[in-house]
Amino acid sequence: MAAPGGRLGSLKLGEYRCELPGDANGPVGLRQPDEDFSVRLNSTYAVGATTGTYLLTGDMVVMTSGPKRGQRFHRLSQNFLRKQDGAGQDTTLRCIRLAPNRG
């Protein structure tokens, strides 16, 4: 049975880099390193050395503890999140999972 809000899930592991959109006259994205985080095992994430937990239901991610506690993200694809504001609307801040090195 699905949980309220949708199926429970987990994000793909890895580093998520966050940025604001650029413009046609400059870079495509404007990095926001203070927003970056990494997703780890067992629905945990890290910002530097500090960890927290998240809950993914359907396409909504809620940071439930740690440095990003209370922040919400809309999962648009397996590798792309859009931060939401306090009213639950998507903002322009996007967080994209880096492709793993295949060296």
PDB file of N, CA and C in Angstrom:
ATOM      1  N   MET A   1       0.844  -1.176   0.000  1.00  0.00           N
ATOM      2  CA  MET A   1       0.000   0.000   0.000  1.00  0.00           C
ATOM      3  C   MET A   1       0.895   1.246   0.000  1.00  0.00           C
ATOM      4  N   ALA A   2       0.547   2.213  -0.779  1.00  0.00           N
ATOM      5  CA  ALA A   2       1.329   3.444  -0.873  1.00  0.00           C
ATOM      6  C   ALA A   2       1.113   4.321   0.353  1.00  0.00           C
ATOM      7  N   ALA A   3       2.120   5.097   0.684  1.00  0.00           N
ATOM      8  CA  ALA A   3       2.028   6.046   1.791  1.00  0.00           C
ATOM      9  C   ALA A   3       1.274   7.287   1.319  1.00  0.00           C
ATOM     10  N   PRO A   4       0.688   8.056   2.250  1.00  0.00           N
ATOM     11  CA  PRO A   4       0.064   9.318   1.840  1.00  0.00           C
ATOM     12  C   PRO A   4       1.092  10.188   1.122  1.00  0.00           C
ATOM     13  N   GLY A   5       0.729  10.746  -0.011  1.00  0.00           N
ATOM     14  CA  GLY A   5       1.662  11.564  -0.769  1.00  0.00           C
ATOM     15  C   GLY A   5       2.363  10.799  -1.873  1.00  0.00           C
ATOM     16  N   GLY A   6       2.216   9.493  -1.899  1.00  0.00           N
ATOM     17  CA  GLY A   6       2.842   8.707  -2.955  1.00  0.00           C
ATOM     18  C   GLY A   6       3.707   7.598  -2.406  1.00  0.00           C
ATOM     19  N   ARG A   7       4.287   6.863  -3.310  1.00  0.00           N
ATOM     20  CA  ARG A   7       5.165   5.750  -2.965  1.00  0.00           C
ATOM     21  C   ARG A   7       6.418   6.235  -2.271  1.00  0.00           C
ATOM     22  N   LEU A   8       6.855   5.485  -1.266  1.00  0.00           N
ATOM     23  CA  LEU A   8       8.126   5.779  -0.613  1.00  0.00           C
ATOM     24  C   LEU A   8       9.264   5.393  -1.553  1.00  0.00           C
ATOM     25  N   GLY A   9      10.328   6.145  -1.511  1.00  0.00           N
ATOM     26  CA  GLY A   9      11.463   5.856  -2.377  1.00  0.00           C
ATOM     27  C   GLY A   9      12.737   6.424  -1.804  1.00  0.00           C
ATOM     28  N   SER A  10      13.777   6.366  -2.600  1.00  0.00           N
ATOM     29  CA  SER A  10      15.057   6.956  -2.203  1.00  0.00           C
ATOM     30  C   SER A  10      15.689   7.611  -3.425  1.00  0.00           C
ATOM     31  N   LEU A  11      16.489   8.615  -3.155  1.00  0.00           N
ATOM     32  CA  LEU A  11      17.203   9.318  -4.217  1.00  0.00           C
ATOM     33  C   LEU A  11      18.407   8.501  -4.659  1.00  0.00           C
ATOM     34  N   LYS A  12      18.855   8.753  -5.881  1.00  0.00           N
ATOM     35  CA  LYS A  12      20.084   8.131  -6.356  1.00  0.00           C
ATOM     36  C   LYS A  12      21.247   8.670  -5.535  1.00  0.00           C
ATOM     37  N   LEU A  13      22.165   7.780  -5.174  1.00  0.00           N
ATOM     38  CA  LEU A  13      23.330   8.184  -4.395  1.00  0.00           C
ATOM     39  C   LEU A  13      24.228   9.081  -5.228  1.00  0.00           C
ATOM     40  N   GLY A  14      24.907  10.001  -4.554  1.00  0.00           N
ATOM     41  CA  GLY A  14      25.874  10.840  -5.253  1.00  0.00           C
ATOM     42  C   GLY A  14      25.853  12.279  -4.802  1.00  0.00           C
ATOM     43  N   GLU A  15      26.629  13.068  -5.502  1.00  0.00           N
ATOM     44  CA  GLU A  15      26.785  14.489  -5.209  1.00  0.00           C
ATOM     45  C   GLU A  15      25.759  15.294  -6.006  1.00  0.00           C
ATOM     46  N   TYR A  16      25.035  16.147  -5.315  1.00  0.00           N
ATOM     47  CA  TYR A  16      24.063  17.033  -5.955  1.00  0.00           C
ATOM     48  C   TYR A  16      24.616  18.450  -5.912  1.00  0.00           C
ATOM     49  N   ARG A  17      24.812  19.045  -7.080  1.00  0.00           N
ATOM     50  CA  ARG A  17      25.316  20.410  -7.199  1.00  0.00           C
ATOM     51  C   ARG A  17      24.142  21.316  -7.527  1.00  0.00           C
ATOM     52  N   CYS A  18      24.059  22.424  -6.811  1.00  0.00           N
ATOM     53  CA  CYS A  18      22.912  23.313  -6.953  1.00  0.00           C
ATOM     54  C   CYS A  18      23.315  24.613  -7.635  1.00  0.00           C
ATOM     55  N   GLU A  19      22.368  25.151  -8.410  1.00  0.00           N
ATOM     56  CA  GLU A  19      22.642  26.371  -9.166  1.00  0.00           C
ATOM     57  C   GLU A  19      21.349  27.111  -9.459  1.00  0.00           C
ATOM     58  N   LEU A  20      21.533  28.384  -9.743  1.00  0.00           N
ATOM     59  CA  LEU A  20      20.448  29.214 -10.247  1.00  0.00           C
ATOM     60  C   LEU A  20      20.655  29.351 -11.747  1.00  0.00           C
ATOM     61  N   PRO A  21      19.600  29.604 -12.501  1.00  0.00           N
ATOM     62  CA  PRO A  21      19.780  29.734 -13.951  1.00  0.00           C
ATOM     63  C   PRO A  21      20.617  30.958 -14.291  1.00  0.00           C
ATOM     64  N   GLY A  22      21.423  30.806 -15.324  1.00  0.00           N
ATOM     65  CA  GLY A  22      22.206  31.933 -15.851  1.00  0.00           C
ATOM     66  C   GLY A  22      21.384  32.655 -16.905  1.00  0.00           C
ATOM     67  N   ASP A  23      22.098  33.278 -17.844  1.00  0.00           N
ATOM     68  CA  ASP A  23      21.398  33.936 -18.946  1.00  0.00           C
ATOM     69  C   ASP A  23      22.167  33.717 -20.246  1.00  0.00           C
ATOM     70  N   ALA A  24      21.619  34.191 -21.326  1.00  0.00           N
ATOM     71  CA  ALA A  24      22.203  33.966 -22.649  1.00  0.00           C
ATOM     72  C   ALA A  24      23.568  34.635 -22.814  1.00  0.00           C
ATOM     73  N   ASN A  25      23.880  35.608 -21.983  1.00  0.00           N
ATOM     74  CA  ASN A  25      25.142  36.331 -22.108  1.00  0.00           C
ATOM     75  C   ASN A  25      26.236  35.819 -21.179  1.00  0.00           C
ATOM     76  N   GLY A  26      25.957  34.767 -20.438  1.00  0.00           N
ATOM     77  CA  GLY A  26      26.939  34.281 -19.474  1.00  0.00           C
ATOM     78  C   GLY A  26      26.814  32.786 -19.287  1.00  0.00           C
ATOM     79  N   PRO A  27      27.207  32.315 -18.116  1.00  0.00           N
ATOM     80  CA  PRO A  27      27.135  30.873 -17.859  1.00  0.00           C
ATOM     81  C   PRO A  27      25.692  30.372 -17.828  1.00  0.00           C
ATOM     82  N   VAL A  28      25.530  29.104 -18.171  1.00  0.00           N
ATOM     83  CA  VAL A  28      24.206  28.477 -18.179  1.00  0.00           C
ATOM     84  C   VAL A  28      23.625  28.426 -16.771  1.00  0.00           C
ATOM     85  N   GLY A  29      24.479  28.169 -15.780  1.00  0.00           N
ATOM     86  CA  GLY A  29      24.045  28.106 -14.396  1.00  0.00           C
ATOM     87  C   GLY A  29      25.001  28.845 -13.486  1.00  0.00           C
ATOM     88  N   LEU A  30      24.473  29.410 -12.417  1.00  0.00           N
ATOM     89  CA  LEU A  30      25.275  30.129 -11.424  1.00  0.00           C
ATOM     90  C   LEU A  30      25.333  29.272 -10.167  1.00  0.00           C
ATOM     91  N   ARG A  31      26.487  28.629  -9.942  1.00  0.00           N
ATOM     92  CA  ARG A  31      26.646  27.702  -8.813  1.00  0.00           C
ATOM     93  C   ARG A  31      26.280  28.357  -7.498  1.00  0.00           C
ATOM     94  N   GLN A  32      25.659  27.568  -6.633  1.00  0.00           N
ATOM     95  CA  GLN A  32      25.292  27.974  -5.278  1.00  0.00           C
ATOM     96  C   GLN A  32      25.861  26.919  -4.331  1.00  0.00           C
ATOM     97  N   PRO A  33      27.186  26.926  -4.097  1.00  0.00           N
ATOM     98  CA  PRO A  33      27.822  25.841  -3.340  1.00  0.00           C
ATOM     99  C   PRO A  33      27.283  25.659  -1.933  1.00  0.00           C
ATOM    100  N   ASP A  34      26.723  26.685  -1.329  1.00  0.00           N
ATOM    101  CA  ASP A  34      26.150  26.540   0.014  1.00  0.00           C
ATOM    102  C   ASP A  34      24.898  25.661   0.015  1.00  0.00           C
ATOM    103  N   GLU A  35      24.323  25.405  -1.150  1.00  0.00           N
ATOM    104  CA  GLU A  35      23.121  24.573  -1.270  1.00  0.00           C
ATOM    105  C   GLU A  35      23.454  23.113  -1.604  1.00  0.00           C
ATOM    106  N   ASP A  36      24.712  22.826  -1.984  1.00  0.00           N
ATOM    107  CA  ASP A  36      25.114  21.477  -2.392  1.00  0.00           C
ATOM    108  C   ASP A  36      24.961  20.466  -1.257  1.00  0.00           C
ATOM    109  N   PHE A  37      24.739  19.209  -1.621  1.00  0.00           N
ATOM    110  CA  PHE A  37      24.678  18.124  -0.645  1.00  0.00           C
ATOM    111  C   PHE A  37      24.990  16.809  -1.348  1.00  0.00           C
ATOM    112  N   SER A  38      25.248  15.779  -0.572  1.00  0.00           N
ATOM    113  CA  SER A  38      25.458  14.451  -1.141  1.00  0.00           C
ATOM    114  C   SER A  38      24.456  13.492  -0.513  1.00  0.00           C
ATOM    115  N   VAL A  39      23.926  12.593  -1.334  1.00  0.00           N
ATOM    116  CA  VAL A  39      22.977  11.587  -0.870  1.00  0.00           C
ATOM    117  C   VAL A  39      23.744  10.310  -0.589  1.00  0.00           C
ATOM    118  N   ARG A  40      23.464   9.737   0.568  1.00  0.00           N
ATOM    119  CA  ARG A  40      24.130   8.521   1.025  1.00  0.00           C
ATOM    120  C   ARG A  40      23.112   7.400   1.195  1.00  0.00           C
ATOM    121  N   LEU A  41      23.568   6.300   1.741  1.00  0.00           N
ATOM    122  CA  LEU A  41      22.699   5.143   1.960  1.00  0.00           C
ATOM    123  C   LEU A  41      21.628   5.418   3.012  1.00  0.00           C
ATOM    124  N   ASN A  42      20.565   4.623   2.966  1.00  0.00           N
ATOM    125  CA  ASN A  42      19.512   4.618   3.988  1.00  0.00           C
ATOM    126  C   ASN A  42      18.832   5.977   4.173  1.00  0.00           C
ATOM    127  N   SER A  43      18.508   6.645   3.072  1.00  0.00           N
ATOM    128  CA  SER A  43      17.789   7.930   3.110  1.00  0.00           C
ATOM    129  C   SER A  43      18.503   8.969   3.957  1.00  0.00           C
ATOM    130  N   THR A  44      19.830   9.011   3.851  1.00  0.00           N
ATOM    131  CA  THR A  44      20.609  10.040   4.528  1.00  0.00           C
ATOM    132  C   THR A  44      21.295  10.920   3.491  1.00  0.00           C
ATOM    133  N   TYR A  45      21.644  12.117   3.928  1.00  0.00           N
ATOM    134  CA  TYR A  45      22.387  13.055   3.085  1.00  0.00           C
ATOM    135  C   TYR A  45      23.433  13.735   3.953  1.00  0.00           C
ATOM    136  N   ALA A  46      24.373  14.405   3.310  1.00  0.00           N
ATOM    137  CA  ALA A  46      25.415  15.108   4.044  1.00  0.00           C
ATOM    138  C   ALA A  46      25.672  16.466   3.410  1.00  0.00           C
ATOM    139  N   VAL A  47      25.958  17.425   4.274  1.00  0.00           N
ATOM    140  CA  VAL A  47      26.460  18.738   3.877  1.00  0.00           C
ATOM    141  C   VAL A  47      27.769  18.862   4.629  1.00  0.00           C
ATOM    142  N   GLY A  48      28.880  18.715   3.904  1.00  0.00           N
ATOM    143  CA  GLY A  48      30.176  18.652   4.584  1.00  0.00           C
ATOM    144  C   GLY A  48      30.202  17.427   5.483  1.00  0.00           C
ATOM    145  N   ALA A  49      30.563  17.617   6.741  1.00  0.00           N
ATOM    146  CA  ALA A  49      30.656  16.507   7.689  1.00  0.00           C
ATOM    147  C   ALA A  49      29.362  16.286   8.470  1.00  0.00           C
ATOM    148  N   THR A  50      28.348  17.101   8.236  1.00  0.00           N
ATOM    149  CA  THR A  50      27.090  16.998   8.974  1.00  0.00           C
ATOM    150  C   THR A  50      26.073  16.214   8.159  1.00  0.00           C
ATOM    151  N   THR A  51      25.402  15.268   8.803  1.00  0.00           N
ATOM    152  CA  THR A  51      24.442  14.432   8.094  1.00  0.00           C
ATOM    153  C   THR A  51      23.014  14.699   8.554  1.00  0.00           C
ATOM    154  N   GLY A  52      22.089  14.233   7.748  1.00  0.00           N
ATOM    155  CA  GLY A  52      20.673  14.337   8.060  1.00  0.00           C
ATOM    156  C   GLY A  52      19.925  13.253   7.306  1.00  0.00           C
ATOM    157  N   THR A  53      18.612  13.243   7.460  1.00  0.00           N
ATOM    158  CA  THR A  53      17.777  12.271   6.772  1.00  0.00           C
ATOM    159  C   THR A  53      16.764  13.001   5.901  1.00  0.00           C
ATOM    160  N   TYR A  54      16.252  12.257   4.920  1.00  0.00           N
ATOM    161  CA  TYR A  54      15.214  12.807   4.052  1.00  0.00           C
ATOM    162  C   TYR A  54      14.126  11.759   3.853  1.00  0.00           C
ATOM    163  N   LEU A  55      12.977  12.215   3.383  1.00  0.00           N
ATOM    164  CA  LEU A  55      11.860  11.338   3.060  1.00  0.00           C
ATOM    165  C   LEU A  55      11.428  11.659   1.637  1.00  0.00           C
ATOM    166  N   LEU A  56      11.393  10.641   0.787  1.00  0.00           N
ATOM    167  CA  LEU A  56      10.917  10.793  -0.585  1.00  0.00           C
ATOM    168  C   LEU A  56       9.584  10.057  -0.710  1.00  0.00           C
ATOM    169  N   THR A  57       8.523  10.811  -0.990  1.00  0.00           N
ATOM    170  CA  THR A  57       7.212  10.215  -1.257  1.00  0.00           C
ATOM    171  C   THR A  57       6.746  10.749  -2.603  1.00  0.00           C
ATOM    172  N   GLY A  58       6.458   9.832  -3.510  1.00  0.00           N
ATOM    173  CA  GLY A  58       6.095  10.252  -4.861  1.00  0.00           C
ATOM    174  C   GLY A  58       7.254  11.002  -5.480  1.00  0.00           C
ATOM    175  N   ASP A  59       7.023  12.251  -5.849  1.00  0.00           N
ATOM    176  CA  ASP A  59       8.106  13.066  -6.417  1.00  0.00           C
ATOM    177  C   ASP A  59       8.489  14.228  -5.498  1.00  0.00           C
ATOM    178  N   MET A  60       8.159  14.111  -4.205  1.00  0.00           N
ATOM    179  CA  MET A  60       8.477  15.154  -3.236  1.00  0.00           C
ATOM    180  C   MET A  60       9.514  14.668  -2.236  1.00  0.00           C
ATOM    181  N   VAL A  61      10.546  15.474  -2.028  1.00  0.00           N
ATOM    182  CA  VAL A  61      11.620  15.175  -1.079  1.00  0.00           C
ATOM    183  C   VAL A  61      11.530  16.190   0.056  1.00  0.00           C
ATOM    184  N   VAL A  62      11.519  15.699   1.289  1.00  0.00           N
ATOM    185  CA  VAL A  62      11.520  16.568   2.464  1.00  0.00           C
ATOM    186  C   VAL A  62      12.726  16.196   3.306  1.00  0.00           C
ATOM    187  N   MET A  63      13.562  17.187   3.615  1.00  0.00           N
ATOM    188  CA  MET A  63      14.702  16.970   4.503  1.00  0.00           C
ATOM    189  C   MET A  63      14.149  16.977   5.926  1.00  0.00           C
ATOM    190  N   THR A  64      14.217  15.825   6.600  1.00  0.00           N
ATOM    191  CA  THR A  64      13.551  15.673   7.887  1.00  0.00           C
ATOM    192  C   THR A  64      14.452  15.940   9.088  1.00  0.00           C
ATOM    193  N   SER A  65      15.765  15.938   8.891  1.00  0.00           N
ATOM    194  CA  SER A  65      16.700  16.283   9.970  1.00  0.00           C
ATOM    195  C   SER A  65      17.989  16.785   9.347  1.00  0.00           C
ATOM    196  N   GLY A  66      18.872  17.286  10.182  1.00  0.00           N
ATOM    197  CA  GLY A  66      20.173  17.747   9.700  1.00  0.00           C
ATOM    198  C   GLY A  66      20.161  19.189   9.237  1.00  0.00           C
ATOM    199  N   PRO A  67      21.224  19.592   8.524  1.00  0.00           N
ATOM    200  CA  PRO A  67      21.398  21.005   8.171  1.00  0.00           C
ATOM    201  C   PRO A  67      20.355  21.556   7.200  1.00  0.00           C
ATOM    202  N   LYS A  68      19.684  20.718   6.460  1.00  0.00           N
ATOM    203  CA  LYS A  68      18.661  21.179   5.524  1.00  0.00           C
ATOM    204  C   LYS A  68      17.244  20.883   6.021  1.00  0.00           C
ATOM    205  N   ARG A  69      17.129  20.585   7.299  1.00  0.00           N
ATOM    206  CA  ARG A  69      15.826  20.226   7.878  1.00  0.00           C
ATOM    207  C   ARG A  69      14.755  21.233   7.481  1.00  0.00           C
ATOM    208  N   GLY A  70      13.613  20.687   7.006  1.00  0.00           N
ATOM    209  CA  GLY A  70      12.487  21.524   6.611  1.00  0.00           C
ATOM    210  C   GLY A  70      12.492  21.925   5.143  1.00  0.00           C
ATOM    211  N   GLN A  71      13.631  21.788   4.457  1.00  0.00           N
ATOM    212  CA  GLN A  71      13.666  22.132   3.042  1.00  0.00           C
ATOM    213  C   GLN A  71      12.951  21.059   2.236  1.00  0.00           C
ATOM    214  N   ARG A  72      12.301  21.510   1.151  1.00  0.00           N
ATOM    215  CA  ARG A  72      11.551  20.600   0.281  1.00  0.00           C
ATOM    216  C   ARG A  72      12.054  20.745  -1.153  1.00  0.00           C
ATOM    217  N   PHE A  73      12.032  19.620  -1.855  1.00  0.00           N
ATOM    218  CA  PHE A  73      12.458  19.587  -3.244  1.00  0.00           C
ATOM    219  C   PHE A  73      11.452  18.788  -4.058  1.00  0.00           C
ATOM    220  N   HIS A  74      11.249  19.206  -5.288  1.00  0.00           N
ATOM    221  CA  HIS A  74      10.397  18.499  -6.245  1.00  0.00           C
ATOM    222  C   HIS A  74      11.331  17.706  -7.156  1.00  0.00           C
ATOM    223  N   ARG A  75      11.172  16.385  -7.185  1.00  0.00           N
ATOM    224  CA  ARG A  75      12.026  15.559  -8.046  1.00  0.00           C
ATOM    225  C   ARG A  75      11.410  15.530  -9.438  1.00  0.00           C
ATOM    226  N   LEU A  76      12.112  16.139 -10.387  1.00  0.00           N
ATOM    227  CA  LEU A  76      11.638  16.205 -11.764  1.00  0.00           C
ATOM    228  C   LEU A  76      12.124  15.018 -12.585  1.00  0.00           C
ATOM    229  N   SER A  77      13.258  14.431 -12.195  1.00  0.00           N
ATOM    230  CA  SER A  77      13.783  13.225 -12.831  1.00  0.00           C
ATOM    231  C   SER A  77      14.710  12.550 -11.834  1.00  0.00           C
ATOM    232  N   GLN A  78      15.293  11.430 -12.216  1.00  0.00           N
ATOM    233  CA  GLN A  78      16.189  10.692 -11.327  1.00  0.00           C
ATOM    234  C   GLN A  78      17.391  11.520 -10.881  1.00  0.00           C
ATOM    235  N   ASN A  79      17.782  12.519 -11.659  1.00  0.00           N
ATOM    236  CA  ASN A  79      18.999  13.293 -11.374  1.00  0.00           C
ATOM    237  C   ASN A  79      18.758  14.793 -11.221  1.00  0.00           C
ATOM    238  N   PHE A  80      17.511  15.221 -11.107  1.00  0.00           N
ATOM    239  CA  PHE A  80      17.202  16.654 -11.144  1.00  0.00           C
ATOM    240  C   PHE A  80      16.149  16.990 -10.098  1.00  0.00           C
ATOM    241  N   LEU A  81      16.506  17.883  -9.177  1.00  0.00           N
ATOM    242  CA  LEU A  81      15.597  18.349  -8.127  1.00  0.00           C
ATOM    243  C   LEU A  81      15.410  19.850  -8.264  1.00  0.00           C
ATOM    244  N   ARG A  82      14.232  20.328  -7.916  1.00  0.00           N
ATOM    245  CA  ARG A  82      13.945  21.760  -7.888  1.00  0.00           C
ATOM    246  C   ARG A  82      13.532  22.101  -6.459  1.00  0.00           C
ATOM    247  N   LYS A  83      14.217  23.061  -5.834  1.00  0.00           N
ATOM    248  CA  LYS A  83      13.885  23.462  -4.469  1.00  0.00           C
ATOM    249  C   LYS A  83      12.526  24.161  -4.462  1.00  0.00           C
ATOM    250  N   GLN A  84      11.777  23.957  -3.388  1.00  0.00           N
ATOM    251  CA  GLN A  84      10.471  24.602  -3.257  1.00  0.00           C
ATOM    252  C   GLN A  84      10.503  25.680  -2.183  1.00  0.00           C
ATOM    253  N   ASP A  85       9.615  26.649  -2.336  1.00  0.00           N
ATOM    254  CA  ASP A  85       9.490  27.705  -1.339  1.00  0.00           C
ATOM    255  C   ASP A  85       8.520  27.269  -0.245  1.00  0.00           C
ATOM    256  N   GLY A  86       8.261  28.140   0.706  1.00  0.00           N
ATOM    257  CA  GLY A  86       7.390  27.817   1.833  1.00  0.00           C
ATOM    258  C   GLY A  86       5.951  27.520   1.445  1.00  0.00           C
ATOM    259  N   ALA A  87       5.522  27.983   0.257  1.00  0.00           N
ATOM    260  CA  ALA A  87       4.160  27.735  -0.218  1.00  0.00           C
ATOM    261  C   ALA A  87       4.073  26.467  -1.068  1.00  0.00           C
ATOM    262  N   GLY A  88       5.195  25.748  -1.206  1.00  0.00           N
ATOM    263  CA  GLY A  88       5.189  24.520  -1.990  1.00  0.00           C
ATOM    264  C   GLY A  88       5.326  24.729  -3.483  1.00  0.00           C
ATOM    265  N   GLN A  89       5.765  25.906  -3.876  1.00  0.00           N
ATOM    266  CA  GLN A  89       5.970  26.204  -5.299  1.00  0.00           C
ATOM    267  C   GLN A  89       7.439  26.021  -5.666  1.00  0.00           C
ATOM    268  N   ASP A  90       7.696  25.510  -6.864  1.00  0.00           N
ATOM    269  CA  ASP A  90       9.072  25.360  -7.333  1.00  0.00           C
ATOM    270  C   ASP A  90       9.740  26.725  -7.436  1.00  0.00           C
ATOM    271  N   THR A  91      10.999  26.787  -6.990  1.00  0.00           N
ATOM    272  CA  THR A  91      11.811  27.997  -7.147  1.00  0.00           C
ATOM    273  C   THR A  91      12.737  27.795  -8.348  1.00  0.00           C
ATOM    274  N   THR A  92      13.602  28.751  -8.607  1.00  0.00           N
ATOM    275  CA  THR A  92      14.537  28.625  -9.723  1.00  0.00           C
ATOM    276  C   THR A  92      15.791  27.835  -9.341  1.00  0.00           C
ATOM    277  N   LEU A  93      15.992  27.553  -8.039  1.00  0.00           N
ATOM    278  CA  LEU A  93      17.165  26.788  -7.619  1.00  0.00           C
ATOM    279  C   LEU A  93      16.998  25.333  -8.028  1.00  0.00           C
ATOM    280  N   ARG A  94      17.977  24.807  -8.746  1.00  0.00           N
ATOM    281  CA  ARG A  94      17.945  23.421  -9.190  1.00  0.00           C
ATOM    282  C   ARG A  94      19.176  22.691  -8.677  1.00  0.00           C
ATOM    283  N   CYS A  95      19.015  21.434  -8.335  1.00  0.00           N
ATOM    284  CA  CYS A  95      20.108  20.601  -7.849  1.00  0.00           C
ATOM    285  C   CYS A  95      20.196  19.378  -8.753  1.00  0.00           C
ATOM    286  N   ILE A  96      21.376  19.180  -9.326  1.00  0.00           N
ATOM    287  CA  ILE A  96      21.585  18.159 -10.336  1.00  0.00           C
ATOM    288  C   ILE A  96      22.634  17.182  -9.842  1.00  0.00           C
ATOM    289  N   ARG A  97      22.325  15.885  -9.933  1.00  0.00           N
ATOM    290  CA  ARG A  97      23.277  14.841  -9.502  1.00  0.00           C
ATOM    291  C   ARG A  97      24.386  14.736 -10.522  1.00  0.00           C
ATOM    292  N   LEU A  98      25.618  14.788 -10.007  1.00  0.00           N
ATOM    293  CA  LEU A  98      26.774  14.646 -10.883  1.00  0.00           C
ATOM    294  C   LEU A  98      26.861  13.218 -11.390  1.00  0.00           C
ATOM    295  N   ALA A  99      27.251  13.071 -12.634  1.00  0.00           N
ATOM    296  CA  ALA A  99      27.451  11.744 -13.193  1.00  0.00           C
ATOM    297  C   ALA A  99      28.666  11.103 -12.509  1.00  0.00           C
ATOM    298  N   PRO A 100      28.549   9.825 -12.133  1.00  0.00           N
ATOM    299  CA  PRO A 100      29.697   9.174 -11.494  1.00  0.00           C
ATOM    300  C   PRO A 100      30.845   9.019 -12.478  1.00  0.00           C
ATOM    301  N   ASN A 101      32.079   9.084 -11.947  1.00  0.00           N
ATOM    302  CA  ASN A 101      33.265   8.868 -12.792  1.00  0.00           C
ATOM    303  C   ASN A 101      33.304   7.421 -13.242  1.00  0.00           C
ATOM    304  N   ARG A 102      33.608   7.218 -14.464  1.00  0.00           N
ATOM    305  CA  ARG A 102      33.719   5.850 -14.992  1.00  0.00           C
ATOM    306  C   ARG A 102      35.140   5.640 -15.480  1.00  0.00           C
ATOM    307  N   GLY A 103      36.091   5.852 -14.570  1.00  0.00           N
ATOM    308  CA  GLY A 103      37.496   5.782 -14.923  1.00  0.00           C
ATOM    309  C   GLY A 103      38.042   4.461 -14.744  1.00  0.00           C
TER     310      GLY A 103
END
